[in-house]
Amino acid sequence: MVAAPYISDLTSTTPEVDLTFQLPDPEDEQISDYEFQQQIEAAWQVCDRFDLQTDIWRGRILKTVRDREKRVGNAGGAGFLRWLADREISKSHAYNLMELADSADLLLQEGLLEPQDVSQFSKRAFIETAQAAPEVQQMVSEAAHRGDRITRREVRQLADEWTAVTSDLLPIEVKEKAADHTLPTRYLAPLVREMEKLPEAHQVHLRDEVAENPDIDTVKQVTAEARFLAKYLNAATQVQTLNRDGLDLESALEEAMRIGCLNSTADLVNQAAQLEQAIAKLYTTWRRIVSLSERVYLDSGSSTPNLRSLLAYLTPLSGEILELQLGDPDSGTSRRIRLKVMAEEEGDPAGDWE
């Protein structure tokens, strides 16, 4: 069983579809699991395609409202935002729908799709197609025009195949194996995406490594290496502690690769970046607590003993020595953490940490 044909002309102003289904009885033991799944899938496909059509029209409606607000000169688009708020539509969702409508109109205007071809797509497949390279859009459109059912999986497969054939980051040995289907293209697209994030010097090293052993295991390994390289390079630029003369980050990276501890090194640098951010946030929060505690102390007095008690209990977090009990105090694994703020000048809370 296949989904009933649902053809809606996107150029029409009155798209219609019959969403009345006769769903199988889940308690009917006479129907086989295969037939049950087929009937459910058929109904689901129709809903999926209707969802796509509806969202395209919603996007067009939103664009019309937005353009109207622009024409009447509503300052800052406030009228459009009020319109969205009245209908409980988030701004991000609205712009996603408008982007979907733009994609549909572009594919139709360029002749890549006929209006009735859109019914061959699932919603996610259509969005994936709109974001794909023009060559991939052409191949997907041809498949839809032939009447093929287009899912996200088919679009990604075509995109992966195109990447494997055209990317300059893949050596010729890998492309040849991808062409004769001895090396699945689904492993190559992630490799290309990760390598694109790297400087050319690292791309050459990884490309040579894959060319030497063009097999699945090597592709997976090099993909992981490229991912950690990108993480390392991105995190290293964010760690202030590393921004000093005398440290050669590139050489350190090469040594980590040579001795096989690239993953640990990348994770180390990434954790250092997170720790610096945590320290900065901790210091800012502590300064705020100190300021608020002083304000509440000055505003309170003997008539507010409970409020003064609250301030006293917060002393471990508002003094120069910060204390925190980790875990149950009665357990053997409990630990008390102490951090001390050492002021650079007397009375200056902004200082060094110990």
Protein backbone atom coordinates (compact mmCIF):
# COMPACT_ATOMS: atom_id res chain seq x y z
CA MET A 1 0.00 0.00 0.00
CA VAL A 2 1.28 3.48 -0.87
CA ALA A 3 0.09 6.88 0.16
CA ALA A 4 -2.83 8.23 -1.82
CA PRO A 5 -1.66 10.84 -4.34
CA TYR A 6 -1.83 14.36 -2.99
CA ILE A 7 -1.26 16.98 -5.67
CA SER A 8 -1.62 20.62 -4.75
CA ASP A 9 -0.77 23.40 -7.14
CA LEU A 10 1.38 25.82 -5.14
CA THR A 11 0.48 28.61 -7.53
CA SER A 12 -3.17 28.19 -6.69
CA THR A 13 -4.88 30.21 -3.99
CA THR A 14 -7.06 27.33 -2.86
CA PRO A 15 -4.95 24.29 -2.04
CA GLU A 16 -7.17 21.46 -0.88
CA VAL A 17 -6.61 17.97 0.44
CA ASP A 18 -8.79 15.31 1.98
CA LEU A 19 -7.33 14.32 5.35
CA THR A 20 -10.01 11.76 6.18
CA PHE A 21 -8.33 8.41 6.93
CA GLN A 22 -9.52 4.94 7.73
CA LEU A 23 -6.84 3.90 10.18
CA PRO A 24 -6.38 0.20 11.04
CA ASP A 25 -7.72 -1.06 14.37
CA PRO A 26 -4.70 -1.54 16.69
CA GLU A 27 -6.51 -4.43 18.42
CA ASP A 28 -7.41 -6.26 15.20
CA GLU A 29 -5.52 -9.56 15.32
CA GLN A 30 -6.59 -10.41 11.76
CA ILE A 31 -4.33 -7.77 10.23
CA SER A 32 -0.66 -8.64 9.89
CA ASP A 33 2.07 -6.41 11.30
CA TYR A 34 3.30 -5.73 7.77
CA GLU A 35 -0.12 -4.59 6.52
CA PHE A 36 -0.67 -2.54 9.68
CA GLN A 37 2.63 -0.71 9.20
CA GLN A 38 1.91 -0.14 5.51
CA GLN A 39 -1.46 1.47 6.21
CA ILE A 40 -0.01 3.65 8.96
CA GLU A 41 2.89 4.71 6.73
CA ALA A 42 0.52 5.61 3.92
CA ALA A 43 -1.50 7.89 6.19
CA TRP A 44 1.66 9.38 7.66
CA GLN A 45 3.06 10.25 4.23
CA VAL A 46 -0.08 12.19 3.33
CA CYS A 47 0.08 14.14 6.60
CA ASP A 48 3.77 14.79 6.07
CA ARG A 49 3.19 16.22 2.61
CA PHE A 50 0.20 18.23 3.78
CA ASP A 51 2.36 19.60 6.60
CA LEU A 52 4.93 20.74 4.04
CA GLN A 53 2.29 22.41 1.85
CA THR A 54 0.72 24.11 4.86
CA ASP A 55 4.03 25.45 6.14
CA ILE A 56 4.93 26.83 2.70
CA TRP A 57 1.63 28.72 2.64
CA ARG A 58 2.12 29.86 6.24
CA GLY A 59 5.49 31.23 5.22
CA ARG A 60 3.93 33.11 2.34
CA ILE A 61 1.26 34.55 4.63
CA LEU A 62 3.92 35.68 7.10
CA LYS A 63 5.93 37.31 4.32
CA THR A 64 2.82 39.16 3.16
CA VAL A 65 2.12 40.47 6.67
CA ARG A 66 5.76 41.46 7.19
CA ASP A 67 5.94 43.29 3.84
CA ARG A 68 2.69 45.10 4.64
CA GLU A 69 4.11 46.31 7.94
CA LYS A 70 7.23 47.51 6.15
CA ARG A 71 5.16 49.42 3.59
CA VAL A 72 3.17 51.29 6.19
CA GLY A 73 6.42 52.20 7.93
CA ASN A 74 5.86 50.47 11.26
CA ALA A 75 8.95 51.36 13.30
CA GLY A 76 11.26 48.42 13.93
CA GLY A 77 8.74 45.88 12.69
CA ALA A 78 6.76 46.20 15.92
CA GLY A 79 3.47 45.61 14.13
CA PHE A 80 4.69 42.34 12.65
CA LEU A 81 5.98 41.18 16.05
CA ARG A 82 2.61 42.00 17.64
CA TRP A 83 0.90 40.02 14.89
CA LEU A 84 3.11 37.04 15.71
CA ALA A 85 2.52 37.41 19.45
CA ASP A 86 -1.26 37.50 18.96
CA ARG A 87 -1.03 34.13 17.22
CA GLU A 88 1.56 32.70 19.63
CA ILE A 89 4.18 32.30 16.90
CA SER A 90 7.81 32.73 17.89
CA LYS A 91 9.99 35.02 15.80
CA SER A 92 12.44 32.21 14.99
CA HIS A 93 9.65 29.87 13.86
CA ALA A 94 8.14 32.61 11.71
CA TYR A 95 11.42 33.27 9.93
CA ASN A 96 11.96 29.53 9.41
CA LEU A 97 8.57 29.35 7.69
CA MET A 98 9.36 32.38 5.55
CA GLU A 99 12.68 30.82 4.58
CA LEU A 100 10.84 27.64 3.59
CA ALA A 101 8.45 29.67 1.44
CA ASP A 102 11.35 31.49 -0.20
CA SER A 103 13.01 28.16 -0.97
CA ALA A 104 9.83 26.78 -2.51
CA ASP A 105 9.28 29.86 -4.65
CA LEU A 106 12.92 29.86 -5.78
CA LEU A 107 12.85 26.20 -6.82
CA LEU A 108 9.57 26.77 -8.67
CA GLN A 109 10.65 29.99 -10.38
CA GLU A 110 13.92 28.48 -11.59
CA GLY A 111 12.00 25.58 -13.09
CA LEU A 112 13.72 22.95 -10.96
CA LEU A 113 10.35 21.79 -9.68
CA GLU A 114 6.85 21.68 -11.03
CA PRO A 115 4.12 22.58 -8.52
CA GLN A 116 2.85 19.01 -8.42
CA ASP A 117 6.38 17.67 -7.75
CA VAL A 118 6.37 19.20 -4.27
CA SER A 119 3.89 16.54 -3.20
CA GLN A 120 6.66 13.93 -3.59
CA PHE A 121 8.66 15.43 -0.71
CA SER A 122 8.46 15.01 3.01
CA LYS A 123 8.82 18.30 4.86
CA ARG A 124 12.33 17.59 6.12
CA ALA A 125 13.42 16.36 2.69
CA PHE A 126 12.21 19.56 1.08
CA ILE A 127 14.09 21.73 3.57
CA GLU A 128 17.21 19.60 3.07
CA THR A 129 16.88 20.06 -0.70
CA ALA A 130 16.49 23.82 -0.38
CA GLN A 131 19.76 23.96 1.59
CA ALA A 132 21.69 21.68 -0.78
CA ALA A 133 24.05 22.62 -3.58
CA PRO A 134 22.39 23.58 -6.90
CA GLU A 135 23.65 20.37 -8.53
CA VAL A 136 22.06 18.30 -5.77
CA GLN A 137 18.83 20.25 -6.10
CA GLN A 138 18.80 19.39 -9.80
CA MET A 139 19.25 15.66 -9.16
CA VAL A 140 16.59 15.63 -6.45
CA SER A 141 14.17 17.57 -8.63
CA GLU A 142 14.63 15.10 -11.48
CA ALA A 143 13.87 12.21 -9.11
CA ALA A 144 10.74 13.98 -7.85
CA HIS A 145 9.61 14.68 -11.41
CA ARG A 146 9.92 10.96 -12.17
CA GLY A 147 7.48 10.35 -9.34
CA ASP A 148 10.00 9.04 -6.82
CA ARG A 149 9.18 9.48 -3.16
CA ILE A 150 11.75 11.92 -1.75
CA THR A 151 12.74 11.55 1.89
CA ARG A 152 15.54 13.19 3.83
CA ARG A 153 17.59 10.02 3.45
CA GLU A 154 17.53 10.20 -0.36
CA VAL A 155 18.52 13.87 -0.35
CA ARG A 156 21.43 13.26 2.00
CA GLN A 157 22.59 10.29 -0.04
CA LEU A 158 22.68 12.36 -3.22
CA ALA A 159 24.43 15.19 -1.37
CA ASP A 160 27.03 12.76 -0.01
CA GLU A 161 27.64 11.32 -3.48
CA TRP A 162 28.09 14.80 -4.93
CA THR A 163 30.52 15.72 -2.15
CA ALA A 164 32.56 12.57 -2.73
CA VAL A 165 32.86 13.31 -6.45
CA THR A 166 33.59 17.04 -6.34
CA SER A 167 35.45 17.87 -3.12
CA ASP A 168 39.10 18.84 -3.56
CA LEU A 169 39.75 17.73 0.01
CA LEU A 170 39.43 14.06 -0.92
CA PRO A 171 42.34 12.32 -2.68
CA ILE A 172 41.83 10.68 -6.06
CA GLU A 173 42.18 7.21 -4.51
CA VAL A 174 39.15 7.85 -2.31
CA LYS A 175 37.08 9.32 -5.14
CA GLU A 176 37.76 6.26 -7.29
CA LYS A 177 36.58 3.93 -4.53
CA ALA A 178 33.50 6.10 -3.99
CA ALA A 179 32.74 5.95 -7.71
CA ASP A 180 32.83 2.14 -7.81
CA HIS A 181 30.88 1.95 -4.52
CA THR A 182 33.63 0.10 -2.63
CA LEU A 183 33.80 3.02 -0.19
CA PRO A 184 30.34 4.26 0.95
CA THR A 185 29.89 7.98 0.43
CA ARG A 186 28.07 8.36 3.76
CA TYR A 187 31.47 8.13 5.45
CA LEU A 188 33.09 10.73 3.22
CA ALA A 189 30.73 13.69 3.67
CA PRO A 190 31.42 13.99 7.45
CA LEU A 191 35.17 13.86 6.68
CA VAL A 192 34.88 16.73 4.20
CA ARG A 193 32.77 18.82 6.60
CA GLU A 194 35.35 18.43 9.37
CA MET A 195 38.33 19.07 7.09
CA GLU A 196 36.75 22.29 5.81
CA LYS A 197 37.15 23.75 9.30
CA LEU A 198 40.94 23.28 9.29
CA PRO A 199 43.86 25.30 7.91
CA GLU A 200 45.32 24.05 4.63
CA ALA A 201 48.43 22.57 6.26
CA HIS A 202 46.33 20.22 8.36
CA GLN A 203 44.10 19.40 5.42
CA VAL A 204 47.12 18.22 3.41
CA HIS A 205 48.31 15.99 6.26
CA LEU A 206 44.91 14.35 6.66
CA ARG A 207 44.40 13.98 2.91
CA ASP A 208 47.73 12.18 2.61
CA GLU A 209 46.80 9.90 5.49
CA VAL A 210 43.55 8.88 3.78
CA ALA A 211 45.26 8.45 0.40
CA GLU A 212 47.74 6.01 1.94
CA ASN A 213 44.95 3.76 3.27
CA PRO A 214 41.66 4.55 1.49
CA ASP A 215 39.41 2.31 3.56
CA ILE A 216 36.46 2.80 5.92
CA ASP A 217 38.47 2.45 9.13
CA THR A 218 40.99 5.06 8.03
CA VAL A 219 38.24 7.45 6.92
CA LYS A 220 36.54 7.12 10.32
CA GLN A 221 39.83 7.64 12.15
CA VAL A 222 40.81 10.68 10.09
CA THR A 223 37.33 12.15 10.53
CA ALA A 224 37.73 11.87 14.30
CA GLU A 225 41.20 13.44 14.07
CA ALA A 226 39.86 16.34 12.01
CA ARG A 227 37.06 16.87 14.53
CA PHE A 228 39.49 17.01 17.44
CA LEU A 229 41.88 19.22 15.48
CA ALA A 230 39.10 21.73 14.86
CA LYS A 231 38.12 21.59 18.54
CA TYR A 232 41.75 22.12 19.57
CA LEU A 233 42.32 25.07 17.27
CA ASN A 234 39.03 26.72 18.21
CA ALA A 235 39.53 26.26 21.96
CA ALA A 236 43.20 27.32 21.91
CA THR A 237 42.31 30.79 20.61
CA GLN A 238 39.87 31.24 23.50
CA VAL A 239 42.25 30.28 26.33
CA GLN A 240 43.87 33.47 27.64
CA THR A 241 46.41 31.43 29.60
CA LEU A 242 47.85 30.16 26.31
CA ASN A 243 48.17 33.62 24.76
CA ARG A 244 51.78 34.05 25.81
CA ASP A 245 55.10 34.40 24.03
CA GLY A 246 57.18 31.27 23.79
CA LEU A 247 54.33 28.79 23.27
CA ASP A 248 54.13 27.17 19.84
CA LEU A 249 50.59 25.79 19.59
CA GLU A 250 51.11 24.28 16.17
CA SER A 251 54.20 22.36 17.29
CA ALA A 252 52.39 21.15 20.39
CA LEU A 253 49.58 19.94 18.17
CA GLU A 254 51.96 18.09 15.86
CA GLU A 255 53.63 16.39 18.84
CA ALA A 256 50.26 15.32 20.22
CA MET A 257 49.40 13.78 16.86
CA ARG A 258 52.77 12.05 16.65
CA ILE A 259 52.48 10.30 20.03
CA GLY A 260 48.78 9.50 19.60
CA CYS A 261 47.26 11.71 22.30
CA LEU A 262 45.51 14.24 20.08
CA ASN A 263 42.07 13.48 21.55
CA SER A 264 43.25 14.02 25.12
CA THR A 265 45.14 17.19 24.18
CA ALA A 266 42.14 18.65 22.37
CA ASP A 267 39.89 17.83 25.30
CA LEU A 268 42.43 19.34 27.72
CA VAL A 269 42.49 22.65 25.84
CA ASN A 270 38.71 22.64 25.53
CA GLN A 271 38.30 22.04 29.27
CA ALA A 272 40.78 24.87 29.96
CA ALA A 273 38.64 27.23 27.90
CA GLN A 274 35.54 26.19 29.84
CA LEU A 275 37.36 26.61 33.17
CA GLU A 276 38.44 30.15 32.29
CA GLN A 277 34.87 31.02 31.40
CA ALA A 278 33.65 29.47 34.66
CA ILE A 279 36.19 31.50 36.66
CA ALA A 280 35.12 34.73 34.98
CA LYS A 281 31.45 33.95 35.64
CA LEU A 282 32.20 32.96 39.23
CA TYR A 283 34.08 36.18 39.91
CA THR A 284 31.33 38.33 38.38
CA THR A 285 28.65 36.51 40.40
CA TRP A 286 30.68 36.80 43.61
CA ARG A 287 31.08 40.57 43.14
CA ARG A 288 27.32 40.82 42.70
CA ILE A 289 26.65 38.80 45.86
CA VAL A 290 29.04 41.00 47.88
CA SER A 291 27.35 44.17 46.62
CA LEU A 292 23.83 42.90 47.31
CA SER A 293 24.78 41.60 50.75
CA GLU A 294 26.14 45.02 51.73
CA ARG A 295 23.00 46.73 50.48
CA VAL A 296 20.68 44.38 52.36
CA TYR A 297 22.81 44.71 55.52
CA LEU A 298 22.54 48.51 55.44
CA ASP A 299 18.78 48.38 54.83
CA SER A 300 18.16 45.88 57.62
CA GLY A 301 18.56 46.11 61.40
CA SER A 302 17.42 44.75 64.77
CA SER A 303 13.83 44.73 63.58
CA THR A 304 14.69 42.14 60.89
CA PRO A 305 16.49 39.34 62.74
CA ASN A 306 15.54 36.69 60.20
CA LEU A 307 16.89 38.80 57.36
CA ARG A 308 20.15 39.26 59.25
CA SER A 309 20.20 35.51 59.83
CA LEU A 310 19.87 35.00 56.06
CA LEU A 311 22.92 37.21 55.50
CA ALA A 312 24.86 35.26 58.11
CA TYR A 313 24.11 31.95 56.45
CA LEU A 314 25.28 33.37 53.12
CA THR A 315 28.64 34.45 54.55
CA PRO A 316 30.47 31.39 53.12
CA LEU A 317 29.57 32.72 49.67
CA SER A 318 29.97 36.45 50.24
CA GLY A 319 33.28 36.65 52.10
CA GLU A 320 36.85 36.63 50.87
CA ILE A 321 36.97 32.87 51.41
CA LEU A 322 34.28 30.98 49.51
CA GLU A 323 33.31 27.60 50.97
CA LEU A 324 31.20 24.83 49.50
CA GLN A 325 30.49 21.32 50.78
CA LEU A 326 30.42 18.77 47.96
CA GLY A 327 28.40 15.67 48.78
CA ASP A 328 26.91 14.40 52.03
CA PRO A 329 29.06 15.56 55.00
CA ASP A 330 28.56 12.16 56.65
CA SER A 331 29.85 10.22 53.64
CA GLY A 332 33.49 9.32 53.10
CA THR A 333 33.53 10.94 49.68
CA SER A 334 32.44 14.38 50.89
CA ARG A 335 34.79 17.28 50.17
CA ARG A 336 34.90 20.88 51.33
CA ILE A 337 36.06 23.30 48.66
CA ARG A 338 37.60 26.66 49.62
CA LEU A 339 38.48 29.50 47.27
CA LYS A 340 40.17 32.64 48.52
CA VAL A 341 39.99 36.05 46.86
CA MET A 342 43.17 38.04 47.47
CA ALA A 343 42.69 41.75 46.86
CA GLU A 344 45.40 43.64 44.99
CA GLU A 345 44.86 46.64 47.25
CA GLU A 346 43.44 46.93 50.74
CA GLY A 347 39.66 47.08 50.56
CA ASP A 348 39.57 46.34 46.84
CA PRO A 349 37.41 43.24 46.23
CA ALA A 350 38.69 42.99 42.66
CA GLY A 351 41.91 41.05 43.01
CA ASP A 352 43.68 37.77 42.65
CA TRP A 353 42.25 34.33 43.32
CA GLU A 354 44.01 31.73 45.40
